[in-house]
Amino acid sequence: MKNGKKQNVTQLIGSLAWSSNIDALGEELSFNYAYNDSQFFKKWDLIEVGDQVALFNEGKFLNYYVVITDAMNGRFGKSFTCFDRSWYLNKNETVIQFKKAAASQAIAKLLDKFGVKHQIASMPTLITKIYKEELVSDIIADILEQVYQETKQRYRVEMNKGILTIQKMSDLVINPISRLSDNTYAFPVTDTISNPSRERSIEEMKNKVIVVSEDEKSTKVFAEASDPKSISKYGQLTDVVTVDKKNASQARNIAANTLSQMNKMGETISCEMIGHDEIRAGRILNMNEPVTGIVGKYLIKSASHTVNNGIHKVSVELEAV
């Protein structure tokens, strides 16, 4: 889409892929594009860096993306890399101050400075902090980390059809259903998993948490939390969390919440399945694959979609909830 006009380029697209990751704010889209340098093909050389691409599936609009890079492959063929509009939040620094502002209101104020439309779940955690020369995306991440330390609630930030949305991860449970054709039965896409692998580890486990002052000249301990049974079995694994004086009153909550989150064996799953548009990082899937023991609720840490020869597949990395 450019200059107020829309152009359908589907027939000029080769391989198509898009992906999301729990640790990244934006979604990436990439595709190969038919091209040659003959004069007869110039009218089809439509896409330029900075253009906007809209992705549809059978007429259903999925998301907007901005073309960030293009690459020539000799005389024939181009490839493009695009990101959704949250890419701009990773490229803009700002200065902003909050004084006892609710976390949701603080983020809304920040986004309003850049004219970003938003839908933000209520987060009453009070934010008092000055941010200087920090990326907008990093400020949002820091605010949400403060919310998590106080409430034990994780939120998913993503750009959805040009609107930045922030929702509770616990509300993002999906049960995607698909069908191969109009005259076949619908089925859960989780029934189609292939190439599953499962890994369990205590590498990231912490069974003792100490909350201390962030003042470099102070060693004051505000609170501690530990699990004696876990320490007896796995040995002591300590995490130190620093807070400023303003948040010292929340130290016990922060210690308990951090211990609850980290005092567990990590379980990572990877597998492939038939693609579905609802499968995105930050969603929770109900899985039931007894052969490998992949049973229960799993958080999608990353999702990589591909469309080749009309076949839509997705590879996911999951973490047990």
Protein backbone atom coordinates (compact mmCIF):
# COMPACT_ATOMS: atom_id res chain seq x y z
CA MET A 1 0.00 0.00 0.00
CA LYS A 2 1.44 3.37 -1.04
CA ASN A 3 0.23 6.75 -2.21
CA GLY A 4 -3.25 5.82 -1.08
CA LYS A 5 -3.43 2.85 -3.45
CA LYS A 6 -3.52 -0.87 -2.78
CA GLN A 7 -1.88 -3.43 -5.04
CA ASN A 8 -2.33 -7.19 -4.68
CA VAL A 9 1.12 -8.76 -5.16
CA THR A 10 0.23 -12.29 -4.01
CA GLN A 11 0.99 -13.88 -7.38
CA LEU A 12 4.51 -12.41 -7.32
CA ILE A 13 5.36 -13.88 -3.91
CA GLY A 14 7.42 -17.04 -3.53
CA SER A 15 8.12 -18.45 -0.08
CA LEU A 16 6.39 -16.56 2.72
CA ALA A 17 7.20 -16.64 6.45
CA TRP A 18 6.28 -14.71 9.58
CA SER A 19 7.33 -15.20 13.16
CA SER A 20 6.81 -13.93 16.71
CA ASN A 21 8.82 -14.40 19.89
CA ILE A 22 7.94 -13.92 23.54
CA ASP A 23 11.12 -11.87 24.05
CA ALA A 24 10.50 -9.56 21.08
CA LEU A 25 7.97 -6.75 20.82
CA GLY A 26 7.27 -7.04 17.10
CA GLU A 27 6.41 -9.66 14.52
CA GLU A 28 8.64 -10.26 11.49
CA LEU A 29 7.47 -11.00 7.95
CA SER A 30 9.74 -12.10 5.09
CA PHE A 31 9.11 -13.21 1.53
CA ASN A 32 10.75 -13.77 -1.84
CA TYR A 33 9.52 -11.67 -4.75
CA ALA A 34 9.57 -12.38 -8.48
CA TYR A 35 11.85 -9.92 -10.25
CA ASN A 36 14.22 -9.50 -13.18
CA ASP A 37 16.07 -6.49 -14.54
CA SER A 38 14.51 -6.49 -17.99
CA GLN A 39 12.59 -3.39 -19.09
CA PHE A 40 9.42 -5.47 -19.48
CA PHE A 41 9.31 -6.24 -15.77
CA LYS A 42 9.62 -2.70 -14.44
CA LYS A 43 5.88 -2.25 -14.00
CA TRP A 44 5.89 -5.21 -11.58
CA ASP A 45 8.79 -3.87 -9.52
CA LEU A 46 6.33 -2.42 -7.00
CA ILE A 47 7.75 -2.81 -3.51
CA GLU A 48 10.21 -0.36 -1.96
CA VAL A 49 11.77 0.05 1.48
CA GLY A 50 9.34 2.02 3.66
CA ASP A 51 6.22 0.70 1.94
CA GLN A 52 3.45 -0.88 3.96
CA VAL A 53 2.38 -4.48 3.43
CA ALA A 54 -0.91 -5.96 4.64
CA LEU A 55 -1.18 -9.71 5.16
CA PHE A 56 -4.50 -11.46 4.53
CA ASN A 57 -5.60 -15.08 4.81
CA GLU A 58 -8.58 -15.95 2.61
CA GLY A 59 -9.75 -12.35 2.80
CA LYS A 60 -9.28 -12.03 6.57
CA PHE A 61 -6.93 -9.19 7.50
CA LEU A 62 -4.13 -10.27 9.84
CA ASN A 63 -1.67 -7.41 10.30
CA TYR A 64 0.25 -4.46 8.85
CA TYR A 65 4.01 -4.61 8.24
CA VAL A 66 6.58 -2.01 7.19
CA VAL A 67 9.21 -3.00 4.60
CA ILE A 68 12.53 -2.52 6.39
CA THR A 69 15.07 -4.11 4.03
CA ASP A 70 15.21 -5.43 0.48
CA ALA A 71 17.90 -7.64 -1.04
CA MET A 72 18.74 -8.39 -4.67
CA ASN A 73 19.57 -11.95 -5.61
CA GLY A 74 21.67 -11.44 -8.73
CA ARG A 75 19.67 -10.34 -11.76
CA PHE A 76 16.64 -12.36 -10.77
CA GLY A 77 14.58 -12.27 -7.62
CA LYS A 78 14.34 -10.06 -4.56
CA SER A 79 13.72 -10.77 -0.91
CA PHE A 80 12.11 -8.46 1.63
CA THR A 81 12.13 -8.29 5.41
CA CYS A 82 9.32 -6.47 7.18
CA PHE A 83 8.25 -5.77 10.77
CA ASP A 84 4.93 -4.72 12.21
CA ARG A 85 4.53 -1.14 13.40
CA SER A 86 5.92 -1.86 16.87
CA TRP A 87 9.32 -1.69 15.12
CA TYR A 88 9.17 2.08 15.60
CA LEU A 89 9.02 1.65 19.38
CA ASN A 90 12.39 -0.10 19.17
CA LYS A 91 13.88 2.86 17.27
CA ASN A 92 12.69 5.88 19.26
CA GLU A 93 14.24 7.13 22.50
CA THR A 94 12.47 9.57 24.80
CA VAL A 95 12.51 11.35 28.17
CA ILE A 96 9.50 10.95 30.45
CA GLN A 97 8.69 11.08 34.15
CA PHE A 98 5.95 9.31 36.10
CA LYS A 99 4.84 10.21 39.63
CA LYS A 100 2.64 7.54 41.20
CA ALA A 101 0.95 6.83 37.88
CA ALA A 102 -0.90 3.55 37.41
CA ALA A 103 1.17 1.33 35.11
CA SER A 104 -1.54 1.19 32.43
CA GLN A 105 -1.92 4.98 32.48
CA ALA A 106 1.86 5.46 32.34
CA ILE A 107 2.16 3.29 29.23
CA ALA A 108 -0.82 5.05 27.63
CA LYS A 109 0.81 8.45 28.26
CA LEU A 110 4.05 7.19 26.73
CA LEU A 111 2.34 5.84 23.60
CA ASP A 112 0.27 9.02 23.20
CA LYS A 113 3.53 10.97 22.84
CA PHE A 114 4.19 9.03 19.65
CA GLY A 115 0.62 8.88 18.36
CA VAL A 116 0.35 5.11 18.81
CA LYS A 117 -3.17 3.73 19.14
CA HIS A 118 -3.48 1.35 22.08
CA GLN A 119 -5.69 -0.99 24.08
CA ILE A 120 -4.20 -1.63 27.52
CA ALA A 121 -5.49 -3.87 30.30
CA SER A 122 -5.88 -2.16 33.69
CA MET A 123 -2.69 -2.33 35.78
CA PRO A 124 -2.96 -0.39 39.07
CA THR A 125 0.69 -0.81 40.09
CA LEU A 126 2.04 2.68 40.78
CA ILE A 127 5.05 3.83 38.77
CA THR A 128 7.38 6.56 40.01
CA LYS A 129 10.45 6.88 37.86
CA ILE A 130 12.33 9.13 35.45
CA TYR A 131 13.40 7.63 32.12
CA LYS A 132 16.09 9.39 30.09
CA GLU A 133 17.43 8.43 26.68
CA GLU A 134 15.70 5.07 26.80
CA LEU A 135 13.89 3.27 24.02
CA VAL A 136 10.11 3.33 24.20
CA SER A 137 10.06 -0.48 24.05
CA ASP A 138 12.51 -0.72 26.98
CA ILE A 139 10.41 1.65 29.09
CA ILE A 140 7.32 -0.48 28.49
CA ALA A 141 9.27 -3.62 29.39
CA ASP A 142 10.54 -2.03 32.61
CA ILE A 143 7.05 -0.94 33.66
CA LEU A 144 5.65 -4.41 33.03
CA GLU A 145 8.49 -5.95 35.04
CA GLN A 146 7.53 -3.73 37.98
CA VAL A 147 3.94 -4.88 37.60
CA TYR A 148 5.05 -8.51 37.58
CA GLN A 149 7.20 -8.13 40.69
CA GLU A 150 4.23 -6.74 42.58
CA THR A 151 1.35 -8.81 41.18
CA LYS A 152 2.91 -12.00 39.73
CA GLN A 153 0.95 -11.27 36.54
CA ARG A 154 2.60 -11.43 33.12
CA TYR A 155 1.32 -9.35 30.20
CA ARG A 156 1.74 -9.77 26.46
CA VAL A 157 2.57 -6.72 24.36
CA GLU A 158 1.95 -6.93 20.62
CA MET A 159 0.84 -4.89 17.65
CA ASN A 160 -2.57 -6.05 16.47
CA LYS A 161 -3.80 -4.51 13.21
CA GLY A 162 -2.01 -1.26 13.92
CA ILE A 163 -3.12 -1.07 17.58
CA LEU A 164 -0.66 -1.81 20.38
CA THR A 165 -2.43 -4.19 22.76
CA ILE A 166 -1.38 -5.26 26.25
CA GLN A 167 -3.29 -8.19 27.72
CA LYS A 168 -2.91 -10.67 30.56
CA MET A 169 -1.16 -13.78 29.30
CA SER A 170 -3.48 -15.88 31.44
CA ASP A 171 -6.39 -14.66 29.27
CA LEU A 172 -4.73 -15.72 26.01
CA VAL A 173 -5.67 -19.42 25.98
CA ILE A 174 -6.41 -20.66 22.45
CA ASN A 175 -7.77 -23.88 20.97
CA PRO A 176 -7.19 -23.41 17.21
CA ILE A 177 -9.39 -25.52 14.95
CA SER A 178 -8.73 -26.23 11.26
CA ARG A 179 -10.05 -28.27 8.37
CA LEU A 180 -8.32 -29.46 5.22
CA SER A 181 -11.28 -28.75 2.94
CA ASP A 182 -14.93 -27.70 3.06
CA ASN A 183 -16.14 -31.30 3.00
CA THR A 184 -13.90 -32.63 5.80
CA TYR A 185 -14.26 -32.58 9.57
CA ALA A 186 -12.74 -29.78 11.66
CA PHE A 187 -9.99 -30.85 14.05
CA PRO A 188 -7.70 -29.25 16.66
CA VAL A 189 -4.38 -28.34 15.02
CA THR A 190 -2.62 -29.65 18.14
CA ASP A 191 -3.63 -33.14 16.94
CA THR A 192 -1.27 -32.73 13.98
CA ILE A 193 2.02 -32.21 15.82
CA SER A 194 5.14 -33.79 14.33
CA ASN A 195 8.84 -33.93 15.18
CA PRO A 196 8.23 -33.29 18.89
CA SER A 197 11.15 -32.87 21.27
CA ARG A 198 11.12 -32.28 25.01
CA GLU A 199 13.85 -30.98 27.31
CA ARG A 200 13.78 -30.58 31.10
CA SER A 201 16.42 -28.62 33.02
CA ILE A 202 17.15 -26.93 36.35
CA GLU A 203 19.66 -24.55 34.77
CA GLU A 204 17.42 -21.49 35.26
CA MET A 205 15.94 -22.62 38.59
CA LYS A 206 16.21 -20.40 41.68
CA ASN A 207 15.06 -21.67 45.08
CA LYS A 208 16.14 -18.71 47.20
CA VAL A 209 15.43 -15.02 46.53
CA ILE A 210 16.95 -12.03 48.29
CA VAL A 211 15.53 -8.53 47.77
CA VAL A 212 18.07 -5.77 48.44
CA SER A 213 18.48 -2.04 47.98
CA GLU A 214 19.62 -0.88 44.56
CA ASP A 215 21.82 1.73 46.26
CA GLU A 216 25.40 0.72 45.46
CA LYS A 217 26.55 1.97 48.87
CA SER A 218 24.01 -0.12 50.79
CA THR A 219 23.78 -3.86 51.49
CA LYS A 220 20.39 -3.62 53.21
CA VAL A 221 18.22 -6.70 52.72
CA PHE A 222 14.51 -5.90 52.51
CA ALA A 223 13.16 -9.46 52.30
CA GLU A 224 14.04 -13.11 51.65
CA ALA A 225 12.11 -16.16 50.45
CA SER A 226 13.27 -19.75 49.99
CA ASP A 227 12.10 -23.33 49.54
CA PRO A 228 13.95 -25.68 51.93
CA LYS A 229 12.72 -28.84 50.19
CA SER A 230 13.99 -27.66 46.80
CA ILE A 231 17.30 -26.59 48.33
CA SER A 232 17.68 -30.01 49.95
CA LYS A 233 17.08 -31.78 46.64
CA TYR A 234 18.83 -29.53 44.10
CA GLY A 235 21.20 -27.45 46.21
CA GLN A 236 20.88 -23.74 46.91
CA LEU A 237 20.31 -21.57 43.83
CA THR A 238 20.04 -17.90 44.77
CA ASP A 239 18.66 -14.92 42.87
CA VAL A 240 19.21 -11.34 44.07
CA VAL A 241 16.58 -8.73 43.15
CA THR A 242 17.30 -5.02 43.60
CA VAL A 243 14.60 -2.43 44.31
CA ASP A 244 14.66 1.27 45.17
CA LYS A 245 13.49 2.65 48.49
CA LYS A 246 10.09 3.57 47.07
CA ASN A 247 9.33 -0.11 46.43
CA ALA A 248 10.82 -1.46 49.65
CA SER A 249 7.32 -1.90 51.12
CA GLN A 250 6.60 -4.44 48.37
CA ALA A 251 9.76 -6.43 49.05
CA ARG A 252 7.99 -9.44 50.57
CA ASN A 253 5.60 -9.69 47.63
CA ILE A 254 8.48 -9.32 45.19
CA ALA A 255 10.48 -12.06 46.93
CA ALA A 256 7.51 -14.46 47.07
CA ASN A 257 6.45 -13.82 43.49
CA THR A 258 9.99 -14.18 42.12
CA LEU A 259 10.48 -17.44 44.02
CA SER A 260 7.15 -18.79 42.79
CA GLN A 261 8.11 -18.04 39.19
CA MET A 262 11.69 -19.33 39.28
CA ASN A 263 11.49 -22.26 41.71
CA LYS A 264 10.60 -24.85 39.11
CA MET A 265 12.16 -27.20 36.64
CA GLY A 266 12.25 -25.70 33.19
CA GLU A 267 10.52 -27.65 30.45
CA THR A 268 10.93 -26.69 26.79
CA ILE A 269 9.05 -28.31 23.93
CA SER A 270 9.49 -27.88 20.21
CA CYS A 271 7.28 -29.33 17.49
CA GLU A 272 5.63 -28.63 14.16
CA MET A 273 1.94 -28.62 13.25
CA ILE A 274 -0.50 -27.43 10.63
CA GLY A 275 -0.47 -23.63 10.58
CA HIS A 276 -3.18 -21.48 12.12
CA ASP A 277 -3.36 -17.68 12.38
CA GLU A 278 -4.16 -17.78 16.12
CA ILE A 279 -0.82 -19.40 16.92
CA ARG A 280 1.36 -16.50 18.08
CA ALA A 281 3.95 -15.99 20.81
CA GLY A 282 2.36 -15.26 24.17
CA ARG A 283 -0.66 -17.52 23.63
CA ILE A 284 -1.35 -20.62 25.75
CA LEU A 285 -2.10 -23.95 24.06
CA ASN A 286 -3.79 -27.01 25.52
CA MET A 287 -1.63 -29.97 24.44
CA ASN A 288 -2.29 -33.71 24.66
CA GLU A 289 0.51 -35.79 23.16
CA PRO A 290 1.01 -38.73 25.54
CA VAL A 291 3.88 -40.40 23.66
CA THR A 292 6.35 -37.65 24.57
CA GLY A 293 4.44 -36.50 27.66
CA ILE A 294 3.45 -33.16 26.14
CA VAL A 295 0.21 -32.91 28.10
CA GLY A 296 -1.29 -29.82 29.70
CA LYS A 297 -1.08 -26.06 29.14
CA TYR A 298 1.95 -24.64 27.35
CA LEU A 299 3.00 -21.06 26.69
CA ILE A 300 4.06 -20.36 23.09
CA LYS A 301 7.54 -18.83 23.40
CA SER A 302 8.03 -18.55 19.65
CA ALA A 303 6.03 -19.34 16.53
CA SER A 304 7.48 -19.50 13.01
CA HIS A 305 4.94 -19.75 10.18
CA THR A 306 5.78 -20.74 6.61
CA VAL A 307 3.69 -20.98 3.47
CA ASN A 308 5.22 -22.97 0.62
CA ASN A 309 3.26 -24.30 -2.36
CA GLY A 310 0.05 -23.36 -0.61
CA ILE A 311 0.83 -25.41 2.53
CA HIS A 312 0.76 -23.50 5.82
CA LYS A 313 2.88 -24.94 8.65
CA VAL A 314 4.09 -23.57 11.97
CA SER A 315 7.02 -24.50 14.19
CA VAL A 316 6.63 -23.63 17.84
CA GLU A 317 8.72 -23.56 20.98
CA LEU A 318 6.64 -24.13 24.08
CA GLU A 319 7.15 -23.79 27.80
CA ALA A 320 5.09 -25.62 30.39
CA VAL A 321 2.70 -23.38 32.32
